[in-house]
Amino acid sequence: MFIDCHSGCDMNYIRTEINIVDFVLDRLAADVHVLITDQNTGSGGDEYQLIFYGQNGYRHLKDTVYFDNHANNTNFEERELVVKYLKLGLTRYILKTTRAQAISMHMREDVADMELSKGASVQKQTCDPWNYWVIRTGAQGRLSAEEAYKSYSISGNASANRVTEELKTGFSFSGGKYNSVYNYTNEEGSRHKVTVENNYYEASHYLVKSMGSHWSWAYEVLARRSTFSNIDFQPQLRAAIEYNVFPYKLANTKFFTIDYVLDIRHNNYIDTTIYNKAYETLAGQAIETSLVLNQKWGQVEFGIDYHNYFHDWSKFNLKADMELDIRITGGLSFEINTRAELIRDQVYLPKEGASPEEVLTRQRQIATGYMFFSSFGINYRFGSKLNNFVNPRFGF
């Protein structure tokens, strides 16, 4: 069996608990290739999808297994569920071998299941006293210090979300403060101290409505403040329509969406901008695309986003993201992570510009025409194809 997991599986635990099969590190050498993916659910948990691809003498067999991991489950409980459903999915394949005699199953029916089997309390099982609302709150703090540098930050967030198949809505708030102090000595021997202070706040509300298996529409209302971006206060409204080339029910395996967005925002600036604006109202549009593929040969994530302002189409932003993790053949794999952005819409930049200290300490957003990031790698493995043993001694 070859495990192809995109959900952070505990492979040591899986190998320890399932010892009736041989685990291989080459997908082409496996009799069963298992692709494991997950999607977030409205309650904050995950819906797992396990696709079992038969290969070699089992190529005529293919199964898909789903299960829910509840939001309050620990990592221990989550990995137990993964192993449980791996075992259930493997049963069909093991039945075709001489090891079928090693299979034993224990089924029990608790009180709730008995009630359901009698048809007595279906409504009771599906009734949710919270009406599918999920509330989350959190606070974070960070402190670091050395002789020439000190930094601390504090932030908090709160959200309320409700998700059903037909409607998704939510409210959220986040904010934080960041403070850094730099001490340095210049060429003349004089001591200097640079203090960096930034804060941000954001409140938002969104609603998404389903319109069949391919279409949906949404709106979002938000208000924010960001000293880093010279924004004193910015209310914003966005409305969008989305088309998914594939049915939404296939999102675990393939997902290709195209969004058209209209937005309007009012910017109150902390300092007058390079266009001599203390405040302004801007309207614009965006086209956003996203492609995600989880297949036996690897994983692909690709997206292109474009946005421009109506009053001046030369004020635009074009962004592309790509993540590839491709298994070329056997033990040879290739990975790349790239992000590129063409930036022509920095209307919020302060007129005075940034001092050398602000540039070096990233206290203020500065003018730039582009942004680019890329990382890549190639990996090759050869030797033993079997990988059944678990030995955690010394962490090697």
Protein backbone atom coordinates (compact mmCIF):
# COMPACT_ATOMS: atom_id res chain seq x y z
CA MET A 1 0.00 0.00 0.00
CA PHE A 2 1.13 3.55 -0.81
CA ILE A 3 -0.26 6.36 1.38
CA ASP A 4 -0.61 9.69 -0.46
CA CYS A 5 -1.69 12.08 2.30
CA HIS A 6 -2.26 15.83 1.95
CA SER A 7 -3.72 16.19 5.45
CA GLY A 8 -0.74 15.76 7.78
CA CYS A 9 -1.16 12.04 8.52
CA ASP A 10 0.84 10.41 11.32
CA MET A 11 2.59 7.78 9.21
CA ASN A 12 4.38 6.17 12.15
CA TYR A 13 1.04 5.53 13.84
CA ILE A 14 -0.51 4.20 10.61
CA ARG A 15 2.34 1.74 10.05
CA THR A 16 2.18 0.60 13.66
CA GLU A 17 -1.58 -0.01 13.70
CA ILE A 18 -1.93 -1.59 10.25
CA ASN A 19 0.55 -4.47 9.99
CA ILE A 20 -1.31 -6.76 7.61
CA VAL A 21 0.07 -4.95 4.53
CA ASP A 22 3.46 -3.83 3.30
CA PHE A 23 3.91 -0.06 3.02
CA VAL A 24 5.93 1.08 0.00
CA LEU A 25 7.51 4.43 -0.83
CA ASP A 26 7.03 4.05 -4.59
CA ARG A 27 3.43 4.56 -5.72
CA LEU A 28 3.99 2.54 -8.88
CA ALA A 29 5.01 -0.50 -6.82
CA ALA A 30 1.83 -0.48 -4.74
CA ASP A 31 -1.20 -2.73 -5.18
CA VAL A 32 -3.35 -0.09 -3.49
CA HIS A 33 -2.75 3.67 -3.75
CA VAL A 34 -4.68 5.65 -1.11
CA LEU A 35 -5.19 9.39 -1.67
CA ILE A 36 -6.20 11.21 1.55
CA THR A 37 -7.55 14.78 1.44
CA ASP A 38 -9.77 16.89 3.70
CA GLN A 39 -12.01 19.96 3.62
CA ASN A 40 -13.02 22.20 6.54
CA THR A 41 -16.60 21.81 7.75
CA GLY A 42 -18.88 24.52 9.12
CA SER A 43 -18.37 23.34 12.70
CA GLY A 44 -14.60 23.86 12.44
CA GLY A 45 -13.79 20.19 11.91
CA ASP A 46 -12.83 18.34 8.74
CA GLU A 47 -14.49 16.06 6.22
CA TYR A 48 -11.95 13.47 5.14
CA GLN A 49 -12.00 11.76 1.76
CA LEU A 50 -10.05 8.52 1.22
CA ILE A 51 -9.85 7.30 -2.39
CA PHE A 52 -8.58 3.73 -2.80
CA TYR A 53 -7.07 3.10 -6.25
CA GLY A 54 -6.45 -0.54 -7.07
CA GLN A 55 -3.30 -1.23 -9.10
CA ASN A 56 -1.57 -4.25 -10.61
CA GLY A 57 -3.92 -7.20 -9.96
CA TYR A 58 -6.50 -4.92 -8.30
CA ARG A 59 -6.81 -2.25 -10.98
CA HIS A 60 -10.51 -3.08 -11.47
CA LEU A 61 -11.23 -1.97 -7.86
CA LYS A 62 -11.75 1.64 -6.76
CA ASP A 63 -13.52 2.92 -3.64
CA THR A 64 -14.10 6.26 -1.92
CA VAL A 65 -14.64 6.55 1.84
CA TYR A 66 -15.76 9.69 3.75
CA PHE A 67 -15.76 10.47 7.45
CA ASP A 68 -16.05 13.55 9.68
CA ASN A 69 -13.44 14.63 12.21
CA HIS A 70 -15.14 16.81 14.83
CA ALA A 71 -13.65 20.18 15.73
CA ASN A 72 -13.03 19.22 19.37
CA ASN A 73 -11.17 16.02 18.54
CA THR A 74 -7.56 15.86 19.64
CA ASN A 75 -4.76 14.86 17.27
CA PHE A 76 -4.83 11.43 18.93
CA GLU A 77 -8.54 11.00 18.18
CA GLU A 78 -8.09 12.28 14.64
CA ARG A 79 -5.35 9.81 13.78
CA GLU A 80 -7.44 6.97 15.28
CA LEU A 81 -10.24 7.87 12.87
CA VAL A 82 -7.85 7.90 9.91
CA VAL A 83 -6.60 4.42 10.79
CA LYS A 84 -10.14 3.12 11.38
CA TYR A 85 -11.37 4.15 7.94
CA LEU A 86 -8.14 3.04 6.26
CA LYS A 87 -8.80 -0.42 7.68
CA LEU A 88 -12.42 -0.36 6.51
CA GLY A 89 -11.42 0.74 3.02
CA LEU A 90 -8.72 -1.92 2.77
CA THR A 91 -11.10 -4.75 3.68
CA ARG A 92 -12.34 -5.19 0.11
CA TYR A 93 -8.79 -5.62 -1.17
CA ILE A 94 -7.60 -7.93 1.61
CA LEU A 95 -10.59 -10.19 0.97
CA LYS A 96 -8.99 -11.02 -2.38
CA THR A 97 -5.86 -12.36 -0.67
CA THR A 98 -4.95 -15.28 1.57
CA ARG A 99 -4.72 -12.84 4.48
CA ALA A 100 -8.52 -12.48 4.60
CA GLN A 101 -8.56 -14.94 7.50
CA ALA A 102 -6.73 -12.33 9.59
CA ILE A 103 -9.70 -9.95 9.39
CA SER A 104 -12.12 -9.72 12.31
CA MET A 105 -14.87 -7.15 12.74
CA HIS A 106 -16.77 -6.13 15.86
CA MET A 107 -20.01 -4.16 15.47
CA ARG A 108 -22.09 -2.77 18.31
CA GLU A 109 -25.33 -0.86 18.40
CA ASP A 110 -25.61 1.76 21.11
CA VAL A 111 -28.82 3.33 22.37
CA ALA A 112 -28.75 6.20 19.88
CA ASP A 113 -28.25 3.81 16.96
CA MET A 114 -31.12 1.61 18.18
CA GLU A 115 -33.44 4.61 18.30
CA LEU A 116 -32.45 5.59 14.79
CA SER A 117 -33.00 2.06 13.50
CA LYS A 118 -36.55 2.20 14.87
CA GLY A 119 -37.11 5.57 13.22
CA ALA A 120 -37.96 7.04 16.62
CA SER A 121 -35.63 10.02 16.93
CA VAL A 122 -34.24 11.16 13.59
CA GLN A 123 -35.30 14.72 14.36
CA LYS A 124 -33.67 14.54 17.79
CA GLN A 125 -30.33 13.50 16.28
CA THR A 126 -30.30 16.32 13.69
CA CYS A 127 -31.55 19.09 16.01
CA ASP A 128 -28.77 21.60 16.76
CA PRO A 129 -29.40 23.97 19.71
CA TRP A 130 -26.86 26.41 18.21
CA ASN A 131 -28.55 26.32 14.76
CA TYR A 132 -25.12 25.54 13.21
CA TRP A 133 -23.45 28.69 14.58
CA VAL A 134 -19.81 28.29 15.67
CA ILE A 135 -18.11 30.92 17.86
CA ARG A 136 -14.33 31.27 18.08
CA THR A 137 -12.20 33.65 20.15
CA GLY A 138 -8.48 33.90 20.64
CA ALA A 139 -5.62 36.09 21.83
CA GLN A 140 -1.92 35.91 21.08
CA GLY A 141 1.18 37.55 22.46
CA ARG A 142 4.84 37.48 21.45
CA LEU A 143 7.98 38.79 23.15
CA SER A 144 11.61 38.58 22.05
CA ALA A 145 14.68 40.48 23.22
CA GLU A 146 18.42 40.72 22.78
CA GLU A 147 20.93 43.48 23.50
CA ALA A 148 20.34 45.46 20.29
CA TYR A 149 16.75 44.52 19.55
CA LYS A 150 13.48 44.16 21.43
CA SER A 151 10.08 43.29 20.05
CA TYR A 152 6.62 42.50 21.32
CA SER A 153 3.16 42.11 19.84
CA ILE A 154 -0.32 41.47 21.11
CA SER A 155 -3.35 40.55 19.02
CA GLY A 156 -6.83 39.13 19.34
CA ASN A 157 -9.65 37.81 17.22
CA ALA A 158 -13.26 36.71 17.44
CA SER A 159 -15.60 35.19 14.89
CA ALA A 160 -19.07 33.69 14.49
CA ASN A 161 -19.80 31.47 11.47
CA ARG A 162 -22.73 29.43 10.23
CA VAL A 163 -22.35 26.94 7.38
CA THR A 164 -24.98 24.81 5.65
CA GLU A 165 -25.12 23.41 2.13
CA GLU A 166 -27.26 26.32 0.94
CA LEU A 167 -25.89 29.26 2.93
CA LYS A 168 -22.61 30.32 4.51
CA THR A 169 -22.33 33.46 6.63
CA GLY A 170 -20.06 34.89 9.28
CA PHE A 171 -18.85 37.84 11.34
CA SER A 172 -15.27 38.44 12.47
CA PHE A 173 -13.06 40.94 14.27
CA SER A 174 -9.29 41.03 14.58
CA GLY A 175 -6.76 43.55 15.79
CA GLY A 176 -3.26 43.88 17.06
CA LYS A 177 -0.37 46.08 18.04
CA TYR A 178 3.28 45.59 17.15
CA ASN A 179 6.25 47.34 18.77
CA SER A 180 9.97 46.95 17.98
CA VAL A 181 13.01 48.83 19.31
CA TYR A 182 16.36 48.84 17.48
CA ASN A 183 19.61 50.08 19.09
CA TYR A 184 22.70 50.61 16.96
CA THR A 185 25.99 52.55 16.89
CA ASN A 186 26.89 54.59 13.79
CA GLU A 187 30.36 55.12 12.30
CA GLU A 188 30.99 58.10 14.61
CA GLY A 189 30.33 55.97 17.67
CA SER A 190 27.00 57.59 18.54
CA ARG A 191 24.21 55.40 19.91
CA HIS A 192 20.85 55.54 18.16
CA LYS A 193 17.46 54.13 19.01
CA VAL A 194 14.70 53.47 16.48
CA THR A 195 11.21 52.61 17.67
CA VAL A 196 8.69 50.99 15.32
CA GLU A 197 5.00 51.01 16.24
CA ASN A 198 2.18 49.65 14.08
CA ASN A 199 -1.39 48.61 14.71
CA TYR A 200 -4.29 47.24 12.73
CA TYR A 201 -7.99 46.51 13.26
CA GLU A 202 -10.52 44.84 10.99
CA ALA A 203 -14.20 43.90 11.29
CA SER A 204 -16.08 42.05 8.56
CA HIS A 205 -19.28 40.25 7.63
CA TYR A 206 -19.85 37.95 4.65
CA LEU A 207 -22.64 35.87 3.17
CA VAL A 208 -22.40 33.17 0.46
CA LYS A 209 -25.49 31.69 -1.22
CA SER A 210 -25.50 28.47 -3.25
CA MET A 211 -27.18 28.44 -6.68
CA GLY A 212 -26.94 24.81 -7.74
CA SER A 213 -23.89 22.60 -8.09
CA HIS A 214 -21.79 25.10 -10.10
CA TRP A 215 -22.87 28.67 -9.22
CA SER A 216 -22.91 30.83 -6.09
CA TRP A 217 -23.01 34.51 -5.17
CA ALA A 218 -21.63 36.41 -2.19
CA TYR A 219 -21.11 39.78 -0.57
CA GLU A 220 -18.69 41.04 2.06
CA VAL A 221 -18.72 44.19 4.19
CA LEU A 222 -15.59 45.16 6.07
CA ALA A 223 -13.94 48.07 7.84
CA ARG A 224 -10.25 48.28 8.72
CA ARG A 225 -7.38 50.42 9.94
CA SER A 226 -3.68 49.84 9.18
CA THR A 227 -0.90 52.23 10.14
CA PHE A 228 1.54 50.21 7.99
CA SER A 229 -0.55 50.94 4.88
CA ASN A 230 -1.38 54.56 5.81
CA ILE A 231 -5.08 53.68 6.28
CA ASP A 232 -6.78 55.55 9.12
CA PHE A 233 -10.22 54.09 8.33
CA GLN A 234 -11.49 52.13 5.33
CA PRO A 235 -15.06 50.82 4.94
CA GLN A 236 -15.48 48.49 1.96
CA LEU A 237 -18.26 46.56 0.19
CA ARG A 238 -17.63 43.64 -2.18
CA ALA A 239 -20.18 41.66 -4.19
CA ALA A 240 -19.27 38.66 -6.32
CA ILE A 241 -20.54 35.75 -8.39
CA GLU A 242 -18.64 32.47 -8.71
CA TYR A 243 -18.68 29.62 -11.23
CA ASN A 244 -17.07 26.27 -10.43
CA VAL A 245 -16.19 24.26 -13.55
CA PHE A 246 -16.53 21.07 -11.50
CA PRO A 247 -19.46 20.32 -9.16
CA TYR A 248 -18.74 21.60 -5.64
CA LYS A 249 -19.15 18.07 -4.25
CA LEU A 250 -15.84 17.15 -5.97
CA ALA A 251 -13.90 19.89 -4.10
CA ASN A 252 -11.75 17.32 -2.27
CA THR A 253 -10.34 16.07 -5.59
CA LYS A 254 -10.65 18.92 -8.09
CA PHE A 255 -11.72 22.53 -7.77
CA PHE A 256 -11.66 25.23 -10.48
CA THR A 257 -13.48 28.49 -9.75
CA ILE A 258 -13.82 31.79 -11.61
CA ASP A 259 -15.06 34.81 -9.63
CA TYR A 260 -16.17 38.24 -10.84
CA VAL A 261 -16.10 40.87 -8.09
CA LEU A 262 -17.35 44.47 -7.83
CA ASP A 263 -16.09 46.58 -4.92
CA ILE A 264 -16.34 50.08 -3.53
CA ARG A 265 -14.23 51.50 -0.69
CA HIS A 266 -13.75 54.85 1.07
CA ASN A 267 -10.19 55.54 2.23
CA ASN A 268 -9.38 58.00 5.03
CA TYR A 269 -5.60 58.33 5.10
CA ILE A 270 -3.31 58.99 8.08
CA ASP A 271 -0.95 61.14 5.96
CA THR A 272 -1.70 62.85 2.64
CA THR A 273 -0.94 60.47 -0.24
CA ILE A 274 1.39 60.89 -3.21
CA TYR A 275 -1.74 61.94 -5.17
CA ASN A 276 -2.49 64.72 -2.62
CA LYS A 277 -5.49 62.87 -1.22
CA ALA A 278 -6.51 63.00 2.44
CA TYR A 279 -9.51 60.80 1.65
CA GLU A 280 -11.17 59.36 -1.46
CA THR A 281 -13.83 56.90 -2.63
CA LEU A 282 -12.75 54.22 -5.10
CA ALA A 283 -14.73 51.67 -7.10
CA GLY A 284 -13.23 48.72 -8.90
CA GLN A 285 -13.60 45.22 -10.25
CA ALA A 286 -11.71 41.95 -10.01
CA ILE A 287 -11.47 38.57 -11.72
CA GLU A 288 -10.15 35.79 -9.49
CA THR A 289 -9.43 32.21 -10.52
CA SER A 290 -8.39 29.20 -8.45
CA LEU A 291 -7.46 25.68 -9.57
CA VAL A 292 -6.79 22.84 -7.10
CA LEU A 293 -6.11 19.24 -8.16
CA ASN A 294 -5.43 16.34 -5.78
CA GLN A 295 -4.54 13.34 -7.91
CA LYS A 296 -2.47 10.15 -7.76
CA TRP A 297 0.41 11.90 -9.53
CA GLY A 298 0.56 14.77 -7.06
CA GLN A 299 -1.03 18.07 -6.07
CA VAL A 300 -1.47 21.31 -8.02
CA GLU A 301 -2.69 24.68 -6.73
CA PHE A 302 -2.79 27.62 -9.14
CA GLY A 303 -4.50 30.99 -9.06
CA ILE A 304 -4.58 34.29 -10.96
CA ASP A 305 -6.18 37.45 -9.53
CA TYR A 306 -6.66 40.77 -11.35
CA HIS A 307 -8.07 44.01 -9.92
CA ASN A 308 -8.36 47.55 -11.27
CA TYR A 309 -10.05 50.83 -10.32
CA PHE A 310 -12.72 52.23 -12.63
CA HIS A 311 -11.56 55.85 -12.42
CA ASP A 312 -8.10 54.92 -13.78
CA TRP A 313 -7.58 51.49 -15.36
CA SER A 314 -3.80 51.96 -15.15
CA LYS A 315 -4.18 51.51 -11.38
CA PHE A 316 -4.29 47.71 -11.29
CA ASN A 317 -2.87 44.67 -9.51
CA LEU A 318 -2.11 41.32 -11.15
CA LYS A 319 -1.14 38.36 -8.98
CA ALA A 320 -0.34 34.72 -9.71
CA ASP A 321 0.29 31.87 -7.24
CA MET A 322 1.41 28.34 -8.01
CA GLU A 323 2.21 25.31 -5.86
CA LEU A 324 3.21 22.02 -7.48
CA ASP A 325 4.13 18.72 -5.89
CA ILE A 326 4.49 16.22 -8.73
CA ARG A 327 5.62 12.61 -8.58
CA ILE A 328 7.25 12.11 -11.95
CA THR A 329 7.95 8.39 -11.71
CA GLY A 330 8.90 5.92 -9.01
CA GLY A 331 10.96 7.75 -6.40
CA LEU A 332 11.45 10.93 -8.47
CA SER A 333 9.41 13.97 -7.44
CA PHE A 334 9.48 17.71 -8.16
CA GLU A 335 8.09 20.61 -6.13
CA ILE A 336 7.81 24.34 -6.75
CA ASN A 337 6.19 27.24 -4.89
CA THR A 338 5.96 30.56 -6.73
CA ARG A 339 4.20 33.86 -6.23
CA ALA A 340 4.47 36.89 -8.54
CA GLU A 341 2.65 40.20 -8.32
CA LEU A 342 2.58 43.21 -10.64
CA ILE A 343 1.67 46.23 -8.50
CA ARG A 344 0.31 49.46 -9.98
CA ASP A 345 -2.38 50.43 -7.44
CA GLN A 346 -0.56 51.80 -4.37
CA VAL A 347 -2.80 54.88 -4.17
CA TYR A 348 -2.46 54.92 -0.36
CA LEU A 349 1.30 55.67 -0.15
CA PRO A 350 2.08 58.76 2.01
CA LYS A 351 3.37 61.83 0.19
CA GLU A 352 6.36 62.31 2.51
CA GLY A 353 7.72 58.87 1.70
CA ALA A 354 9.61 56.74 4.17
CA SER A 355 12.84 57.48 6.03
CA PRO A 356 15.82 55.09 5.75
CA GLU A 357 15.01 53.77 9.22
CA GLU A 358 11.37 53.10 8.25
CA VAL A 359 12.48 51.28 5.10
CA LEU A 360 15.00 49.07 6.94
CA THR A 361 12.61 48.26 9.78
CA ARG A 362 9.53 47.92 7.48
CA GLN A 363 7.62 50.43 9.57
CA ARG A 364 5.79 51.76 6.50
CA GLN A 365 4.68 50.35 3.16
CA ILE A 366 6.97 51.65 0.41
CA ALA A 367 6.49 52.00 -3.34
CA THR A 368 7.19 48.92 -5.45
CA GLY A 369 6.29 47.84 -8.95
CA TYR A 370 6.43 44.11 -8.38
CA MET A 371 6.89 41.30 -5.89
CA PHE A 372 8.32 37.85 -6.61
CA PHE A 373 8.99 34.76 -4.54
CA SER A 374 9.94 31.25 -5.60
CA SER A 375 11.27 28.05 -4.09
CA PHE A 376 11.77 24.73 -5.80
CA GLY A 377 13.32 21.33 -5.29
CA ILE A 378 13.76 17.89 -6.79
CA ASN A 379 13.93 14.66 -4.81
CA TYR A 380 14.91 11.14 -5.76
CA ARG A 381 14.72 7.98 -3.71
CA PHE A 382 15.99 4.54 -4.57
CA GLY A 383 16.74 1.33 -2.70
CA SER A 384 14.31 -0.69 -0.58
CA LYS A 385 10.66 -0.17 -1.49
CA LEU A 386 9.31 -1.57 1.77
CA ASN A 387 8.81 0.71 4.74
CA ASN A 388 7.01 -1.22 7.50
CA PHE A 389 9.24 -0.65 10.52
CA VAL A 390 8.82 2.07 13.13
CA ASN A 391 11.82 2.95 15.33
CA PRO A 392 11.55 6.36 17.09
CA ARG A 393 14.77 6.02 19.21
CA PHE A 394 16.78 9.26 19.58
CA GLY A 395 14.50 10.95 17.01
CA PHE A 396 16.59 9.79 14.01
